[in-house]
Amino acid sequence: MVEGFIETKNGKIWYSCYGENAKGVPLLVLHGGPGFLSLPEVVKELSDQRPVYFYDQLGCGRSARAKDKSYYSAANYVEELTEVRERLGLREVYIMGFSWGTMLACLFMLEKRPVGIKGLILCGPYLSSSRWHADQRENLAHMPSEIKNTIEESERSGDYGEKYQAAIMRYYKKHVCRLDPWPAFLEDAFLKFNTDVYLTMWGPSEVTITGTLKDYDLLPRLKEIKEPVLLICGEHDEAVVKTVEAYRAAFSNADMIVLPGASHMHHLEEPELFLQAVRKFLASVGAGK
């Protein structure tokens, strides 16, 4: 693995690359959140055939913090992705996004109309805030009543303290990552989560949207993206299967796979199935099929 920093107009952006000298078309990975950081685990295994690049978005992980919270916006992150791709010299590239990273990838495709993007791999896709909200409400309806009631009461009162956080963690153990216990690197990543970014753009938790992304909905425009797309979700994902199927139908050229028994962190829960699906997609697109 090699790593370094890219000087951008808003600050230093950390990146890393696995398989720098591999011959295949590179893969650029966009992490979720907003406010999370790169998790190379599992995905880096794809570097046996191609360079795999990760970077931490502004305010995240090892990258610089913004001078002002207003810098944390979808528009700025699209510009940042454009600059990172250019500075890394990724003229031809596949883009893989996780959760919020899938919204970022599709905004980039729709707003920048980039040339040289060979395909998109969208994992646990979030492409519509209204759909996401409805899906989390449906998931909550199947949680124990004390969990559901605590979350709803906190939303009414605006008190997102310890009781709310404890209830949300119960939700996350079912729909974000079902591994028990969570891997140490995942626990560490959550400790490093930048809540300034998350609260500005999203809200207090996955199920409560109050930030600047609240009204984003790309579903009506997905047909404009002509590049091949692979959608991946878990059976118990926050990105609910029926919604991911609606995304698949909306794209011009998309396939979809559901990983059984898995949730939002499906690549960690079912790594072999995840890698198999991604490799099959990359080989198919590479062969022009």
C-alpha atoms as a PDB file:
ATOM      1  CA  MET A   1       0.000   0.000   0.000  1.00  0.00           C
ATOM      2  CA  VAL A   2       1.171   3.515  -0.813  1.00  0.00           C
ATOM      3  CA  GLU A   3      -0.402   6.645   0.639  1.00  0.00           C
ATOM      4  CA  GLY A   4      -0.086  10.390   0.473  1.00  0.00           C
ATOM      5  CA  PHE A   5      -1.928  13.702   0.431  1.00  0.00           C
ATOM      6  CA  ILE A   6      -3.479  15.701  -2.392  1.00  0.00           C
ATOM      7  CA  GLU A   7      -3.476  19.478  -2.004  1.00  0.00           C
ATOM      8  CA  THR A   8      -6.950  20.742  -2.923  1.00  0.00           C
ATOM      9  CA  LYS A   9      -8.482  24.209  -2.713  1.00  0.00           C
ATOM     10  CA  ASN A  10     -10.196  23.277   0.556  1.00  0.00           C
ATOM     11  CA  GLY A  11      -7.312  21.417   2.211  1.00  0.00           C
ATOM     12  CA  LYS A  12      -5.223  18.250   2.156  1.00  0.00           C
ATOM     13  CA  ILE A  13      -7.001  15.059   1.119  1.00  0.00           C
ATOM     14  CA  TRP A  14      -5.503  11.737   2.221  1.00  0.00           C
ATOM     15  CA  TYR A  15      -5.435   8.857  -0.253  1.00  0.00           C
ATOM     16  CA  SER A  16      -4.048   5.344  -0.451  1.00  0.00           C
ATOM     17  CA  CYS A  17      -3.531   2.830  -3.238  1.00  0.00           C
ATOM     18  CA  TYR A  18      -3.276  -0.943  -3.135  1.00  0.00           C
ATOM     19  CA  GLY A  19      -1.817  -2.786  -6.142  1.00  0.00           C
ATOM     20  CA  GLU A  20      -0.309   0.357  -7.638  1.00  0.00           C
ATOM     21  CA  ASN A  21       1.431  -1.605 -10.412  1.00  0.00           C
ATOM     22  CA  ALA A  22      -1.438  -3.962 -11.275  1.00  0.00           C
ATOM     23  CA  LYS A  23      -2.491  -3.860 -14.943  1.00  0.00           C
ATOM     24  CA  GLY A  24      -6.292  -3.619 -14.793  1.00  0.00           C
ATOM     25  CA  VAL A  25      -8.406  -0.485 -15.013  1.00  0.00           C
ATOM     26  CA  PRO A  26      -8.216   1.190 -11.567  1.00  0.00           C
ATOM     27  CA  LEU A  27     -11.009   1.252  -9.020  1.00  0.00           C
ATOM     28  CA  LEU A  28     -11.728   4.420  -6.990  1.00  0.00           C
ATOM     29  CA  VAL A  29     -13.663   3.880  -3.746  1.00  0.00           C
ATOM     30  CA  LEU A  30     -15.959   6.499  -2.160  1.00  0.00           C
ATOM     31  CA  HIS A  31     -16.692   5.962   1.518  1.00  0.00           C
ATOM     32  CA  GLY A  32     -20.013   6.510   3.229  1.00  0.00           C
ATOM     33  CA  GLY A  33     -21.254   8.732   5.995  1.00  0.00           C
ATOM     34  CA  PRO A  34     -21.220  11.563   5.249  1.00  0.00           C
ATOM     35  CA  GLY A  35     -18.400  11.969   7.755  1.00  0.00           C
ATOM     36  CA  PHE A  36     -17.106   8.389   7.857  1.00  0.00           C
ATOM     37  CA  LEU A  37     -13.714   7.311   6.484  1.00  0.00           C
ATOM     38  CA  SER A  38     -12.143   4.770   4.144  1.00  0.00           C
ATOM     39  CA  LEU A  39     -12.362   1.105   5.109  1.00  0.00           C
ATOM     40  CA  PRO A  40      -9.956  -0.833   2.871  1.00  0.00           C
ATOM     41  CA  GLU A  41     -10.823  -4.187   4.445  1.00  0.00           C
ATOM     42  CA  VAL A  42     -12.141  -6.715   1.895  1.00  0.00           C
ATOM     43  CA  VAL A  43     -12.238  -4.220  -0.997  1.00  0.00           C
ATOM     44  CA  LYS A  44      -8.430  -4.063  -1.118  1.00  0.00           C
ATOM     45  CA  GLU A  45      -8.437  -7.752  -2.137  1.00  0.00           C
ATOM     46  CA  LEU A  46      -9.447  -6.563  -5.621  1.00  0.00           C
ATOM     47  CA  SER A  47      -5.943  -5.095  -5.998  1.00  0.00           C
ATOM     48  CA  ASP A  48      -4.624  -8.426  -7.262  1.00  0.00           C
ATOM     49  CA  GLN A  49      -5.975  -7.388 -10.688  1.00  0.00           C
ATOM     50  CA  ARG A  50      -6.091  -3.566 -10.637  1.00  0.00           C
ATOM     51  CA  PRO A  51      -5.004  -0.572  -8.562  1.00  0.00           C
ATOM     52  CA  VAL A  52      -7.581   0.167  -5.855  1.00  0.00           C
ATOM     53  CA  TYR A  53      -7.657   3.764  -4.607  1.00  0.00           C
ATOM     54  CA  PHE A  54      -9.266   5.066  -1.427  1.00  0.00           C
ATOM     55  CA  TYR A  55      -9.490   8.634  -0.176  1.00  0.00           C
ATOM     56  CA  ASP A  56     -10.958  10.326   2.884  1.00  0.00           C
ATOM     57  CA  GLN A  57     -13.329  13.127   1.983  1.00  0.00           C
ATOM     58  CA  LEU A  58     -12.804  16.615   3.426  1.00  0.00           C
ATOM     59  CA  GLY A  59     -13.365  16.545   7.178  1.00  0.00           C
ATOM     60  CA  CYS A  60     -13.060  12.770   7.323  1.00  0.00           C
ATOM     61  CA  GLY A  61     -10.432  10.349   8.570  1.00  0.00           C
ATOM     62  CA  ARG A  62      -6.933  11.555   7.844  1.00  0.00           C
ATOM     63  CA  SER A  63      -7.968  14.468   5.610  1.00  0.00           C
ATOM     64  CA  ALA A  64      -8.097  18.128   6.621  1.00  0.00           C
ATOM     65  CA  ARG A  65     -11.063  19.654   8.430  1.00  0.00           C
ATOM     66  CA  ALA A  66     -12.969  22.416   6.697  1.00  0.00           C
ATOM     67  CA  LYS A  67     -12.574  26.033   7.797  1.00  0.00           C
ATOM     68  CA  ASP A  68     -16.344  26.272   8.094  1.00  0.00           C
ATOM     69  CA  LYS A  69     -19.110  23.625   8.316  1.00  0.00           C
ATOM     70  CA  SER A  70     -20.744  25.091   5.210  1.00  0.00           C
ATOM     71  CA  TYR A  71     -17.911  23.518   3.197  1.00  0.00           C
ATOM     72  CA  TYR A  72     -19.461  20.145   3.992  1.00  0.00           C
ATOM     73  CA  SER A  73     -21.891  19.985   1.091  1.00  0.00           C
ATOM     74  CA  ALA A  74     -22.760  17.671  -1.769  1.00  0.00           C
ATOM     75  CA  ALA A  75     -21.626  20.275  -4.289  1.00  0.00           C
ATOM     76  CA  ASN A  76     -18.185  20.632  -2.702  1.00  0.00           C
ATOM     77  CA  TYR A  77     -17.728  16.876  -2.468  1.00  0.00           C
ATOM     78  CA  VAL A  78     -18.533  16.528  -6.183  1.00  0.00           C
ATOM     79  CA  GLU A  79     -15.870  19.132  -6.948  1.00  0.00           C
ATOM     80  CA  GLU A  80     -13.452  17.333  -4.631  1.00  0.00           C
ATOM     81  CA  LEU A  81     -14.058  14.001  -6.389  1.00  0.00           C
ATOM     82  CA  THR A  82     -13.381  15.690  -9.729  1.00  0.00           C
ATOM     83  CA  GLU A  83     -10.092  17.081  -8.418  1.00  0.00           C
ATOM     84  CA  VAL A  84      -9.000  13.850  -6.721  1.00  0.00           C
ATOM     85  CA  ARG A  85      -9.614  11.842  -9.882  1.00  0.00           C
ATOM     86  CA  GLU A  86      -7.640  14.327 -11.966  1.00  0.00           C
ATOM     87  CA  ARG A  87      -4.733  14.530  -9.536  1.00  0.00           C
ATOM     88  CA  LEU A  88      -4.490  10.736  -9.319  1.00  0.00           C
ATOM     89  CA  GLY A  89      -4.447  10.500 -13.123  1.00  0.00           C
ATOM     90  CA  LEU A  90      -7.421   8.145 -13.319  1.00  0.00           C
ATOM     91  CA  ARG A  91      -8.432   8.752 -16.940  1.00  0.00           C
ATOM     92  CA  GLU A  92     -10.180   5.371 -17.120  1.00  0.00           C
ATOM     93  CA  VAL A  93     -11.628   4.160 -13.834  1.00  0.00           C
ATOM     94  CA  TYR A  94     -14.403   2.233 -12.140  1.00  0.00           C
ATOM     95  CA  ILE A  95     -16.085   3.971  -9.217  1.00  0.00           C
ATOM     96  CA  MET A  96     -17.316   2.059  -6.169  1.00  0.00           C
ATOM     97  CA  GLY A  97     -19.461   3.882  -3.630  1.00  0.00           C
ATOM     98  CA  PHE A  98     -20.759   2.843  -0.236  1.00  0.00           C
ATOM     99  CA  SER A  99     -23.989   4.343   1.172  1.00  0.00           C
ATOM    100  CA  TRP A 100     -23.585   8.165   0.910  1.00  0.00           C
ATOM    101  CA  GLY A 101     -20.724   7.420  -1.494  1.00  0.00           C
ATOM    102  CA  THR A 102     -23.285   6.069  -3.981  1.00  0.00           C
ATOM    103  CA  MET A 103     -25.122   9.408  -3.960  1.00  0.00           C
ATOM    104  CA  LEU A 104     -21.798  11.181  -4.456  1.00  0.00           C
ATOM    105  CA  ALA A 105     -20.891   8.893  -7.381  1.00  0.00           C
ATOM    106  CA  CYS A 106     -24.217   9.466  -9.134  1.00  0.00           C
ATOM    107  CA  LEU A 107     -24.190  13.225  -8.520  1.00  0.00           C
ATOM    108  CA  PHE A 108     -20.725  13.253 -10.081  1.00  0.00           C
ATOM    109  CA  MET A 109     -21.989  11.369 -13.131  1.00  0.00           C
ATOM    110  CA  LEU A 110     -25.050  13.581 -13.550  1.00  0.00           C
ATOM    111  CA  GLU A 111     -23.455  16.961 -12.903  1.00  0.00           C
ATOM    112  CA  LYS A 112     -20.012  16.484 -14.461  1.00  0.00           C
ATOM    113  CA  ARG A 113     -20.823  14.055 -17.305  1.00  0.00           C
ATOM    114  CA  PRO A 114     -17.295  12.626 -17.001  1.00  0.00           C
ATOM    115  CA  VAL A 115     -15.617  10.655 -19.780  1.00  0.00           C
ATOM    116  CA  GLY A 116     -13.698   7.484 -18.985  1.00  0.00           C
ATOM    117  CA  ILE A 117     -15.884   6.052 -16.233  1.00  0.00           C
ATOM    118  CA  LYS A 118     -16.079   2.353 -17.116  1.00  0.00           C
ATOM    119  CA  GLY A 119     -18.794   1.466 -14.627  1.00  0.00           C
ATOM    120  CA  LEU A 120     -20.288   2.063 -11.185  1.00  0.00           C
ATOM    121  CA  ILE A 121     -20.544  -0.332  -8.241  1.00  0.00           C
ATOM    122  CA  LEU A 122     -23.084   1.011  -5.749  1.00  0.00           C
ATOM    123  CA  CYS A 123     -23.107  -0.736  -2.354  1.00  0.00           C
ATOM    124  CA  GLY A 124     -25.959  -0.226   0.093  1.00  0.00           C
ATOM    125  CA  PRO A 125     -27.166   2.535  -2.216  1.00  0.00           C
ATOM    126  CA  TYR A 126     -28.647   5.770  -0.918  1.00  0.00           C
ATOM    127  CA  LEU A 127     -30.023   7.655  -3.932  1.00  0.00           C
ATOM    128  CA  SER A 128     -33.225   9.147  -2.530  1.00  0.00           C
ATOM    129  CA  SER A 129     -33.720  10.684   0.908  1.00  0.00           C
ATOM    130  CA  SER A 130     -37.487  10.179   0.815  1.00  0.00           C
ATOM    131  CA  ARG A 131     -37.043   6.492  -0.056  1.00  0.00           C
ATOM    132  CA  TRP A 132     -34.376   6.112   2.636  1.00  0.00           C
ATOM    133  CA  HIS A 133     -36.620   7.709   5.242  1.00  0.00           C
ATOM    134  CA  ALA A 134     -39.573   5.488   4.327  1.00  0.00           C
ATOM    135  CA  ASP A 135     -37.390   2.372   4.431  1.00  0.00           C
ATOM    136  CA  GLN A 136     -36.020   3.184   7.890  1.00  0.00           C
ATOM    137  CA  ARG A 137     -39.565   3.752   9.149  1.00  0.00           C
ATOM    138  CA  GLU A 138     -40.492   0.332   7.801  1.00  0.00           C
ATOM    139  CA  ASN A 139     -37.459  -1.222   9.479  1.00  0.00           C
ATOM    140  CA  LEU A 140     -38.293   0.534  12.759  1.00  0.00           C
ATOM    141  CA  ALA A 141     -41.814  -0.902  12.677  1.00  0.00           C
ATOM    142  CA  HIS A 142     -40.263  -4.355  13.090  1.00  0.00           C
ATOM    143  CA  MET A 143     -38.036  -3.377  16.015  1.00  0.00           C
ATOM    144  CA  PRO A 144     -39.100  -3.985  19.648  1.00  0.00           C
ATOM    145  CA  SER A 145     -41.637  -1.388  20.740  1.00  0.00           C
ATOM    146  CA  GLU A 146     -39.326   0.179  23.335  1.00  0.00           C
ATOM    147  CA  ILE A 147     -36.716   0.874  20.644  1.00  0.00           C
ATOM    148  CA  LYS A 148     -39.246   2.316  18.215  1.00  0.00           C
ATOM    149  CA  ASN A 149     -40.916   4.433  20.917  1.00  0.00           C
ATOM    150  CA  THR A 150     -37.627   5.815  22.244  1.00  0.00           C
ATOM    151  CA  ILE A 151     -36.499   6.905  18.776  1.00  0.00           C
ATOM    152  CA  GLU A 152     -39.835   8.507  17.927  1.00  0.00           C
ATOM    153  CA  GLU A 153     -40.052  10.312  21.286  1.00  0.00           C
ATOM    154  CA  SER A 154     -36.508  11.660  20.831  1.00  0.00           C
ATOM    155  CA  GLU A 155     -37.425  12.968  17.389  1.00  0.00           C
ATOM    156  CA  ARG A 156     -40.468  14.758  18.829  1.00  0.00           C
ATOM    157  CA  SER A 157     -38.542  16.268  21.745  1.00  0.00           C
ATOM    158  CA  GLY A 158     -35.263  16.941  19.944  1.00  0.00           C
ATOM    159  CA  ASP A 159     -33.392  15.114  22.732  1.00  0.00           C
ATOM    160  CA  TYR A 160     -30.821  12.860  21.069  1.00  0.00           C
ATOM    161  CA  GLY A 161     -29.033  11.903  24.259  1.00  0.00           C
ATOM    162  CA  GLU A 162     -28.048   8.570  25.806  1.00  0.00           C
ATOM    163  CA  LYS A 163     -31.454   6.844  25.555  1.00  0.00           C
ATOM    164  CA  TYR A 164     -31.710   7.720  21.861  1.00  0.00           C
ATOM    165  CA  GLN A 165     -28.128   6.632  21.158  1.00  0.00           C
ATOM    166  CA  ALA A 166     -28.648   3.294  22.933  1.00  0.00           C
ATOM    167  CA  ALA A 167     -31.805   2.633  20.907  1.00  0.00           C
ATOM    168  CA  ILE A 168     -30.052   3.582  17.673  1.00  0.00           C
ATOM    169  CA  MET A 169     -27.215   1.169  18.433  1.00  0.00           C
ATOM    170  CA  ARG A 170     -29.757  -1.648  18.735  1.00  0.00           C
ATOM    171  CA  TYR A 171     -31.027  -0.630  15.292  1.00  0.00           C
ATOM    172  CA  TYR A 172     -27.489  -0.534  13.883  1.00  0.00           C
ATOM    173  CA  LYS A 173     -26.745  -4.030  15.201  1.00  0.00           C
ATOM    174  CA  LYS A 174     -29.610  -5.291  13.048  1.00  0.00           C
ATOM    175  CA  HIS A 175     -29.384  -3.144   9.919  1.00  0.00           C
ATOM    176  CA  VAL A 176     -25.857  -1.654   9.739  1.00  0.00           C
ATOM    177  CA  CYS A 177     -23.591  -4.529  10.784  1.00  0.00           C
ATOM    178  CA  ARG A 178     -24.788  -7.881  12.082  1.00  0.00           C
ATOM    179  CA  LEU A 179     -21.349  -9.192  13.006  1.00  0.00           C
ATOM    180  CA  ASP A 180     -21.082  -9.903  16.733  1.00  0.00           C
ATOM    181  CA  PRO A 181     -18.860  -8.467  17.986  1.00  0.00           C
ATOM    182  CA  TRP A 182     -18.081  -5.735  15.489  1.00  0.00           C
ATOM    183  CA  PRO A 183     -14.512  -5.923  14.138  1.00  0.00           C
ATOM    184  CA  ALA A 184     -12.056  -3.692  16.013  1.00  0.00           C
ATOM    185  CA  PHE A 185     -11.351  -1.631  12.865  1.00  0.00           C
ATOM    186  CA  LEU A 186     -15.089  -0.874  12.507  1.00  0.00           C
ATOM    187  CA  GLU A 187     -15.426   0.152  16.148  1.00  0.00           C
ATOM    188  CA  ASP A 188     -12.387   2.392  15.680  1.00  0.00           C
ATOM    189  CA  ALA A 189     -13.858   3.925  12.510  1.00  0.00           C
ATOM    190  CA  PHE A 190     -17.056   4.865  14.352  1.00  0.00           C
ATOM    191  CA  LEU A 191     -14.997   6.513  17.083  1.00  0.00           C
ATOM    192  CA  LYS A 192     -13.334   8.650  14.375  1.00  0.00           C
ATOM    193  CA  PHE A 193     -16.635   9.569  12.707  1.00  0.00           C
ATOM    194  CA  ASN A 194     -16.831  13.350  12.175  1.00  0.00           C
ATOM    195  CA  THR A 195     -20.238  14.329  13.509  1.00  0.00           C
ATOM    196  CA  ASP A 196     -19.808  17.900  12.207  1.00  0.00           C
ATOM    197  CA  VAL A 197     -20.084  16.526   8.671  1.00  0.00           C
ATOM    198  CA  TYR A 198     -22.844  14.066   9.540  1.00  0.00           C
ATOM    199  CA  LEU A 199     -25.042  16.525  11.430  1.00  0.00           C
ATOM    200  CA  THR A 200     -24.599  19.213   8.768  1.00  0.00           C
ATOM    201  CA  MET A 201     -25.512  16.992   5.845  1.00  0.00           C
ATOM    202  CA  TRP A 202     -27.594  14.201   7.378  1.00  0.00           C
ATOM    203  CA  GLY A 203     -28.789  14.332  10.994  1.00  0.00           C
ATOM    204  CA  PRO A 204     -28.607  12.666  14.420  1.00  0.00           C
ATOM    205  CA  SER A 205     -28.693   9.098  13.028  1.00  0.00           C
ATOM    206  CA  GLU A 206     -29.427   6.967   9.998  1.00  0.00           C
ATOM    207  CA  VAL A 207     -33.160   7.062  10.724  1.00  0.00           C
ATOM    208  CA  THR A 208     -33.489  10.803  11.407  1.00  0.00           C
ATOM    209  CA  ILE A 209     -32.737  13.144   8.468  1.00  0.00           C
ATOM    210  CA  THR A 210     -32.492  16.845   9.315  1.00  0.00           C
ATOM    211  CA  GLY A 211     -29.474  18.001   7.252  1.00  0.00           C
ATOM    212  CA  THR A 212     -28.864  19.483   3.818  1.00  0.00           C
ATOM    213  CA  LEU A 213     -29.397  16.135   2.055  1.00  0.00           C
ATOM    214  CA  LYS A 214     -32.980  15.904   3.321  1.00  0.00           C
ATOM    215  CA  ASP A 215     -34.618  16.655  -0.046  1.00  0.00           C
ATOM    216  CA  TYR A 216     -32.154  14.927  -2.388  1.00  0.00           C
ATOM    217  CA  ASP A 217     -33.760  12.441  -4.794  1.00  0.00           C
ATOM    218  CA  LEU A 218     -31.914  11.129  -7.849  1.00  0.00           C
ATOM    219  CA  LEU A 219     -34.417   8.411  -8.752  1.00  0.00           C
ATOM    220  CA  PRO A 220     -36.051  10.411 -11.579  1.00  0.00           C
ATOM    221  CA  ARG A 221     -32.634  11.080 -13.184  1.00  0.00           C
ATOM    222  CA  LEU A 222     -30.904   7.700 -12.904  1.00  0.00           C
ATOM    223  CA  LYS A 223     -31.888   6.843 -16.471  1.00  0.00           C
ATOM    224  CA  GLU A 224     -29.456   9.546 -17.633  1.00  0.00           C
ATOM    225  CA  ILE A 225     -26.513   7.430 -16.442  1.00  0.00           C
ATOM    226  CA  LYS A 226     -25.673   5.113 -19.345  1.00  0.00           C
ATOM    227  CA  GLU A 227     -22.572   3.400 -17.931  1.00  0.00           C
ATOM    228  CA  PRO A 228     -22.913  -0.164 -16.569  1.00  0.00           C
ATOM    229  CA  VAL A 229     -23.997  -0.287 -12.934  1.00  0.00           C
ATOM    230  CA  LEU A 230     -23.881  -3.031 -10.305  1.00  0.00           C
ATOM    231  CA  LEU A 231     -26.086  -2.521  -7.239  1.00  0.00           C
ATOM    232  CA  ILE A 232     -25.296  -4.563  -4.124  1.00  0.00           C
ATOM    233  CA  CYS A 233     -27.262  -4.729  -0.897  1.00  0.00           C
ATOM    234  CA  GLY A 234     -27.780  -7.056   2.025  1.00  0.00           C
ATOM    235  CA  GLU A 235     -30.957  -8.907   2.826  1.00  0.00           C
ATOM    236  CA  HIS A 236     -31.341  -6.816   6.009  1.00  0.00           C
ATOM    237  CA  ASP A 237     -29.752  -3.645   4.619  1.00  0.00           C
ATOM    238  CA  GLU A 238     -30.825  -0.129   5.499  1.00  0.00           C
ATOM    239  CA  ALA A 239     -30.975   0.126   1.709  1.00  0.00           C
ATOM    240  CA  VAL A 240     -34.093  -2.045   1.532  1.00  0.00           C
ATOM    241  CA  VAL A 241     -34.213  -4.626  -1.260  1.00  0.00           C
ATOM    242  CA  LYS A 242     -37.402  -3.320  -2.876  1.00  0.00           C
ATOM    243  CA  THR A 243     -35.959   0.187  -3.085  1.00  0.00           C
ATOM    244  CA  VAL A 244     -32.692  -1.063  -4.562  1.00  0.00           C
ATOM    245  CA  GLU A 245     -34.773  -2.938  -7.121  1.00  0.00           C
ATOM    246  CA  ALA A 246     -36.502   0.359  -7.992  1.00  0.00           C
ATOM    247  CA  TYR A 247     -33.072   1.913  -8.528  1.00  0.00           C
ATOM    248  CA  ARG A 248     -32.026  -1.012 -10.728  1.00  0.00           C
ATOM    249  CA  ALA A 249     -35.102  -0.558 -12.901  1.00  0.00           C
ATOM    250  CA  ALA A 250     -34.482   3.191 -13.170  1.00  0.00           C
ATOM    251  CA  PHE A 251     -30.914   2.900 -14.499  1.00  0.00           C
ATOM    252  CA  SER A 252     -30.362   2.352 -18.214  1.00  0.00           C
ATOM    253  CA  ASN A 253     -27.965  -0.561 -17.722  1.00  0.00           C
ATOM    254  CA  ALA A 254     -27.891  -2.082 -14.228  1.00  0.00           C
ATOM    255  CA  ASP A 255     -27.645  -5.439 -12.506  1.00  0.00           C
ATOM    256  CA  MET A 256     -28.323  -6.172  -8.856  1.00  0.00           C
ATOM    257  CA  ILE A 257     -27.314  -8.706  -6.240  1.00  0.00           C
ATOM    258  CA  VAL A 258     -28.654  -9.268  -2.715  1.00  0.00           C
ATOM    259  CA  LEU A 259     -26.320 -10.878  -0.182  1.00  0.00           C
ATOM    260  CA  PRO A 260     -28.312 -13.237   2.074  1.00  0.00           C
ATOM    261  CA  GLY A 261     -28.242 -12.671   5.814  1.00  0.00           C
ATOM    262  CA  ALA A 262     -26.209  -9.460   5.458  1.00  0.00           C
ATOM    263  CA  SER A 263     -26.957  -5.806   6.198  1.00  0.00           C
ATOM    264  CA  HIS A 264     -25.468  -2.412   5.288  1.00  0.00           C
ATOM    265  CA  MET A 265     -21.873  -3.551   5.877  1.00  0.00           C
ATOM    266  CA  HIS A 266     -22.530  -6.558   3.647  1.00  0.00           C
ATOM    267  CA  HIS A 267     -18.989  -6.584   2.236  1.00  0.00           C
ATOM    268  CA  LEU A 268     -17.672  -7.281   5.747  1.00  0.00           C
ATOM    269  CA  GLU A 269     -20.382  -9.809   6.581  1.00  0.00           C
ATOM    270  CA  GLU A 270     -20.209 -11.799   3.321  1.00  0.00           C
ATOM    271  CA  PRO A 271     -16.766 -10.970   1.874  1.00  0.00           C
ATOM    272  CA  GLU A 272     -16.474 -13.963  -0.467  1.00  0.00           C
ATOM    273  CA  LEU A 273     -19.887 -13.402  -2.060  1.00  0.00           C
ATOM    274  CA  PHE A 274     -19.202  -9.675  -2.308  1.00  0.00           C
ATOM    275  CA  LEU A 275     -15.844 -10.112  -4.032  1.00  0.00           C
ATOM    276  CA  GLN A 276     -17.248 -12.772  -6.352  1.00  0.00           C
ATOM    277  CA  ALA A 277     -20.050 -10.445  -7.482  1.00  0.00           C
ATOM    278  CA  VAL A 278     -17.714  -7.491  -8.022  1.00  0.00           C
ATOM    279  CA  ARG A 279     -15.131  -9.543  -9.918  1.00  0.00           C
ATOM    280  CA  LYS A 280     -17.841 -10.965 -12.170  1.00  0.00           C
ATOM    281  CA  PHE A 281     -19.136  -7.465 -12.944  1.00  0.00           C
ATOM    282  CA  LEU A 282     -15.654  -6.061 -13.641  1.00  0.00           C
ATOM    283  CA  ALA A 283     -14.809  -9.000 -15.910  1.00  0.00           C
ATOM    284  CA  SER A 284     -18.088  -8.641 -17.806  1.00  0.00           C
ATOM    285  CA  VAL A 285     -17.691  -4.900 -18.366  1.00  0.00           C
ATOM    286  CA  GLY A 286     -14.025  -5.344 -19.246  1.00  0.00           C
ATOM    287  CA  ALA A 287     -14.985  -7.904 -21.872  1.00  0.00           C
ATOM    288  CA  GLY A 288     -17.554  -5.530 -23.326  1.00  0.00           C
ATOM    289  CA  LYS A 289     -20.526  -7.703 -22.464  1.00  0.00           C
END
